[in-house]
Amino acid sequence: YDNMWQKIRSMWTFVSKHYVRDFDYFIIGGEDLYILPGNLRAYLATVGSPDQVHFLGRRFKGRGRSNYFNSGGAGYVLSRAALERLPPLLH
């Protein structure tokens, strides 16, 4: 897990530069994450347009009153609109 934050920042920056227009949703998760693509596709069809900001995943409570985050190990999904807005927040 050394330097995990920098790895995640670099991955999302690269994907946003090269693939953001190619897909509706983007997912990240740990190597032991199991996904049923059909179920995920059906669920994503219910949340709205990929041109709306969606950040979906298992929410964890961190330290402090309003510190919440989605764990990469459990996986999370970004809509195209969310990924377009993400890079300036990463640097």
N, C-alpha and C. Protein backbone atom coordinates (compact mmCIF):
# COMPACT_ATOMS: atom_id res chain seq x y z
N TYR A 1 0.80 -1.20 0.00
CA TYR A 1 0.00 0.00 0.00
C TYR A 1 0.84 1.27 0.00
N ASP A 2 2.13 1.09 -0.21
CA ASP A 2 3.00 2.27 -0.25
C ASP A 2 2.59 3.20 -1.38
N ASN A 3 2.43 4.45 -1.04
CA ASN A 3 2.14 5.48 -2.03
C ASN A 3 0.82 5.24 -2.78
N MET A 4 -0.14 4.65 -2.13
CA MET A 4 -1.41 4.30 -2.78
C MET A 4 -2.13 5.54 -3.31
N TRP A 5 -2.14 6.63 -2.54
CA TRP A 5 -2.85 7.83 -2.98
C TRP A 5 -2.27 8.35 -4.29
N GLN A 6 -0.94 8.37 -4.43
CA GLN A 6 -0.33 8.84 -5.67
C GLN A 6 -0.69 7.93 -6.84
N LYS A 7 -0.75 6.63 -6.60
CA LYS A 7 -1.13 5.69 -7.66
C LYS A 7 -2.55 5.95 -8.12
N ILE A 8 -3.47 6.14 -7.19
CA ILE A 8 -4.87 6.40 -7.54
C ILE A 8 -4.99 7.73 -8.27
N ARG A 9 -4.32 8.77 -7.78
CA ARG A 9 -4.34 10.06 -8.47
C ARG A 9 -3.84 9.94 -9.90
N SER A 10 -2.74 9.23 -10.08
CA SER A 10 -2.17 9.06 -11.41
C SER A 10 -3.11 8.29 -12.33
N MET A 11 -3.74 7.24 -11.80
CA MET A 11 -4.66 6.46 -12.63
C MET A 11 -5.85 7.30 -13.08
N TRP A 12 -6.49 8.01 -12.14
CA TRP A 12 -7.66 8.81 -12.52
C TRP A 12 -7.28 9.95 -13.45
N THR A 13 -6.11 10.54 -13.26
CA THR A 13 -5.67 11.60 -14.16
C THR A 13 -5.47 11.05 -15.57
N PHE A 14 -4.82 9.91 -15.69
CA PHE A 14 -4.60 9.29 -17.00
C PHE A 14 -5.92 8.93 -17.67
N VAL A 15 -6.80 8.28 -16.94
CA VAL A 15 -8.09 7.86 -17.50
C VAL A 15 -8.91 9.07 -17.93
N SER A 16 -8.89 10.13 -17.13
CA SER A 16 -9.67 11.32 -17.49
C SER A 16 -9.12 11.99 -18.75
N LYS A 17 -7.83 11.93 -18.97
CA LYS A 17 -7.23 12.54 -20.16
C LYS A 17 -7.48 11.72 -21.42
N HIS A 18 -7.49 10.40 -21.29
CA HIS A 18 -7.49 9.55 -22.48
C HIS A 18 -8.78 8.79 -22.76
N TYR A 19 -9.65 8.60 -21.76
CA TYR A 19 -10.81 7.73 -21.96
C TYR A 19 -12.15 8.29 -21.51
N VAL A 20 -12.18 9.52 -21.00
CA VAL A 20 -13.41 10.03 -20.40
C VAL A 20 -14.58 10.07 -21.39
N ARG A 21 -14.34 10.26 -22.65
CA ARG A 21 -15.41 10.33 -23.66
C ARG A 21 -15.77 8.96 -24.22
N ASP A 22 -15.00 7.93 -23.87
CA ASP A 22 -15.22 6.60 -24.43
C ASP A 22 -16.20 5.75 -23.65
N PHE A 23 -16.45 6.09 -22.39
CA PHE A 23 -17.30 5.26 -21.54
C PHE A 23 -18.24 6.12 -20.71
N ASP A 24 -19.32 5.52 -20.25
CA ASP A 24 -20.30 6.23 -19.41
C ASP A 24 -19.89 6.24 -17.94
N TYR A 25 -19.37 5.11 -17.47
CA TYR A 25 -19.00 4.95 -16.06
C TYR A 25 -17.62 4.31 -15.95
N PHE A 26 -16.94 4.59 -14.83
CA PHE A 26 -15.60 4.08 -14.58
C PHE A 26 -15.58 3.48 -13.19
N ILE A 27 -14.95 2.33 -13.06
CA ILE A 27 -14.93 1.63 -11.77
C ILE A 27 -13.50 1.33 -11.36
N ILE A 28 -13.29 1.38 -10.07
CA ILE A 28 -12.00 1.00 -9.50
C ILE A 28 -12.29 0.11 -8.29
N GLY A 29 -11.42 -0.87 -8.07
CA GLY A 29 -11.59 -1.75 -6.92
C GLY A 29 -10.34 -2.57 -6.69
N GLY A 30 -10.32 -3.23 -5.57
CA GLY A 30 -9.18 -4.08 -5.23
C GLY A 30 -9.13 -5.32 -6.09
N GLU A 31 -7.98 -6.00 -6.03
CA GLU A 31 -7.79 -7.19 -6.86
C GLU A 31 -8.69 -8.35 -6.46
N ASP A 32 -9.28 -8.28 -5.28
CA ASP A 32 -10.17 -9.34 -4.84
C ASP A 32 -11.65 -8.93 -4.95
N LEU A 33 -11.93 -7.87 -5.68
CA LEU A 33 -13.30 -7.42 -5.89
C LEU A 33 -13.95 -8.27 -6.97
N TYR A 34 -15.15 -8.75 -6.71
CA TYR A 34 -15.90 -9.55 -7.67
C TYR A 34 -17.11 -8.75 -8.11
N ILE A 35 -17.25 -8.55 -9.40
CA ILE A 35 -18.34 -7.75 -9.96
C ILE A 35 -19.16 -8.59 -10.91
N LEU A 36 -20.46 -8.48 -10.82
CA LEU A 36 -21.36 -9.08 -11.80
C LEU A 36 -21.75 -7.97 -12.77
N PRO A 37 -21.12 -7.93 -13.95
CA PRO A 37 -21.35 -6.82 -14.88
C PRO A 37 -22.82 -6.56 -15.21
N GLY A 38 -23.59 -7.61 -15.39
CA GLY A 38 -25.01 -7.42 -15.70
C GLY A 38 -25.76 -6.72 -14.58
N ASN A 39 -25.46 -7.11 -13.34
CA ASN A 39 -26.10 -6.46 -12.20
C ASN A 39 -25.66 -5.01 -12.07
N LEU A 40 -24.36 -4.76 -12.27
CA LEU A 40 -23.86 -3.39 -12.19
C LEU A 40 -24.49 -2.54 -13.29
N ARG A 41 -24.57 -3.06 -14.49
CA ARG A 41 -25.18 -2.32 -15.60
C ARG A 41 -26.64 -2.00 -15.30
N ALA A 42 -27.38 -2.97 -14.77
CA ALA A 42 -28.79 -2.74 -14.43
C ALA A 42 -28.92 -1.68 -13.34
N TYR A 43 -28.07 -1.73 -12.34
CA TYR A 43 -28.12 -0.73 -11.27
C TYR A 43 -27.80 0.66 -11.81
N LEU A 44 -26.75 0.77 -12.61
CA LEU A 44 -26.36 2.08 -13.14
C LEU A 44 -27.46 2.68 -14.01
N ALA A 45 -28.26 1.86 -14.64
CA ALA A 45 -29.37 2.36 -15.45
C ALA A 45 -30.43 3.05 -14.58
N THR A 46 -30.43 2.79 -13.28
CA THR A 46 -31.43 3.37 -12.39
C THR A 46 -30.98 4.66 -11.72
N VAL A 47 -29.68 4.99 -11.78
CA VAL A 47 -29.18 6.14 -11.01
C VAL A 47 -29.24 7.45 -11.78
N GLY A 48 -29.48 7.41 -13.06
CA GLY A 48 -29.53 8.63 -13.84
C GLY A 48 -28.51 8.62 -14.96
N SER A 49 -28.34 9.74 -15.56
CA SER A 49 -27.48 9.89 -16.72
C SER A 49 -26.00 9.92 -16.31
N PRO A 50 -25.13 9.34 -17.13
CA PRO A 50 -23.70 9.46 -16.86
C PRO A 50 -23.20 10.89 -17.02
N ASP A 51 -24.03 11.76 -17.57
CA ASP A 51 -23.68 13.18 -17.67
C ASP A 51 -24.06 13.96 -16.42
N GLN A 52 -24.58 13.26 -15.42
CA GLN A 52 -24.78 13.81 -14.08
C GLN A 52 -23.66 13.27 -13.20
N VAL A 53 -23.32 14.00 -12.16
CA VAL A 53 -22.24 13.58 -11.27
C VAL A 53 -22.74 12.48 -10.35
N HIS A 54 -22.09 11.31 -10.46
CA HIS A 54 -22.39 10.16 -9.59
C HIS A 54 -21.09 9.60 -9.07
N PHE A 55 -21.03 9.43 -7.76
CA PHE A 55 -19.90 8.82 -7.07
C PHE A 55 -20.51 7.75 -6.19
N LEU A 56 -20.41 6.50 -6.62
CA LEU A 56 -21.16 5.41 -6.01
C LEU A 56 -20.23 4.38 -5.40
N GLY A 57 -20.55 3.94 -4.19
CA GLY A 57 -19.76 2.92 -3.54
C GLY A 57 -20.14 2.81 -2.07
N ARG A 58 -19.43 1.97 -1.37
CA ARG A 58 -19.66 1.76 0.06
C ARG A 58 -19.02 2.91 0.83
N ARG A 59 -19.83 3.68 1.51
CA ARG A 59 -19.33 4.85 2.24
C ARG A 59 -18.81 4.45 3.61
N PHE A 60 -17.61 4.93 3.92
CA PHE A 60 -16.98 4.69 5.22
C PHE A 60 -16.85 6.00 5.97
N LYS A 61 -16.91 5.93 7.29
CA LYS A 61 -16.73 7.12 8.13
C LYS A 61 -15.28 7.17 8.58
N GLY A 62 -14.63 8.28 8.27
CA GLY A 62 -13.25 8.48 8.72
C GLY A 62 -13.24 9.23 10.04
N ARG A 63 -12.12 9.80 10.35
CA ARG A 63 -12.00 10.59 11.57
C ARG A 63 -12.64 11.95 11.37
N GLY A 64 -13.25 12.47 12.41
CA GLY A 64 -13.88 13.78 12.32
C GLY A 64 -15.38 13.66 12.07
N ARG A 65 -16.06 14.79 12.16
CA ARG A 65 -17.52 14.79 12.06
C ARG A 65 -18.04 14.54 10.66
N SER A 66 -17.38 15.09 9.66
CA SER A 66 -17.92 14.98 8.30
C SER A 66 -16.90 14.39 7.33
N ASN A 67 -16.10 13.47 7.80
CA ASN A 67 -15.09 12.84 6.95
C ASN A 67 -15.60 11.48 6.49
N TYR A 68 -16.11 11.43 5.28
CA TYR A 68 -16.61 10.19 4.69
C TYR A 68 -15.83 9.92 3.41
N PHE A 69 -15.66 8.67 3.07
CA PHE A 69 -14.95 8.32 1.85
C PHE A 69 -15.43 6.96 1.36
N ASN A 70 -15.25 6.72 0.08
CA ASN A 70 -15.53 5.42 -0.51
C ASN A 70 -14.21 4.67 -0.64
N SER A 71 -14.19 3.47 -0.14
CA SER A 71 -12.97 2.68 -0.14
C SER A 71 -12.69 2.11 -1.52
N GLY A 72 -11.44 2.19 -1.94
CA GLY A 72 -11.05 1.61 -3.21
C GLY A 72 -11.09 0.09 -3.19
N GLY A 73 -10.82 -0.52 -2.03
CA GLY A 73 -10.85 -1.97 -1.92
C GLY A 73 -12.23 -2.53 -2.20
N ALA A 74 -13.24 -1.87 -1.65
CA ALA A 74 -14.62 -2.29 -1.87
C ALA A 74 -15.10 -1.86 -3.25
N GLY A 75 -14.39 -0.97 -3.88
CA GLY A 75 -14.73 -0.50 -5.21
C GLY A 75 -15.65 0.70 -5.18
N TYR A 76 -15.52 1.54 -6.18
CA TYR A 76 -16.46 2.63 -6.38
C TYR A 76 -16.55 2.96 -7.85
N VAL A 77 -17.63 3.63 -8.20
CA VAL A 77 -17.94 3.95 -9.59
C VAL A 77 -18.05 5.46 -9.73
N LEU A 78 -17.45 5.99 -10.78
CA LEU A 78 -17.58 7.40 -11.14
C LEU A 78 -18.31 7.50 -12.47
N SER A 79 -19.26 8.40 -12.55
CA SER A 79 -19.88 8.68 -13.84
C SER A 79 -18.91 9.51 -14.67
N ARG A 80 -19.19 9.59 -15.96
CA ARG A 80 -18.36 10.40 -16.85
C ARG A 80 -18.27 11.84 -16.34
N ALA A 81 -19.40 12.41 -15.92
CA ALA A 81 -19.42 13.79 -15.42
C ALA A 81 -18.57 13.94 -14.16
N ALA A 82 -18.60 12.96 -13.28
CA ALA A 82 -17.77 13.01 -12.07
C ALA A 82 -16.29 12.95 -12.43
N LEU A 83 -15.94 12.08 -13.37
CA LEU A 83 -14.54 11.96 -13.76
C LEU A 83 -14.04 13.22 -14.45
N GLU A 84 -14.90 13.89 -15.20
CA GLU A 84 -14.51 15.14 -15.84
C GLU A 84 -14.19 16.22 -14.81
N ARG A 85 -14.86 16.20 -13.68
CA ARG A 85 -14.65 17.21 -12.65
C ARG A 85 -13.53 16.87 -11.65
N LEU A 86 -13.08 15.63 -11.68
CA LEU A 86 -12.13 15.14 -10.68
C LEU A 86 -10.70 15.67 -10.81
N PRO A 87 -10.08 15.71 -11.97
CA PRO A 87 -8.65 16.05 -12.04
C PRO A 87 -8.23 17.33 -11.32
N PRO A 88 -8.94 18.45 -11.43
CA PRO A 88 -8.48 19.63 -10.69
C PRO A 88 -8.48 19.44 -9.17
N LEU A 89 -9.30 18.52 -8.68
CA LEU A 89 -9.38 18.27 -7.24
C LEU A 89 -8.26 17.38 -6.75
N LEU A 90 -7.59 16.70 -7.66
CA LEU A 90 -6.53 15.76 -7.29
C LEU A 90 -5.18 16.41 -7.08
N HIS A 91 -5.03 17.64 -7.52
CA HIS A 91 -3.70 18.28 -7.47
C HIS A 91 -3.70 19.52 -6.62
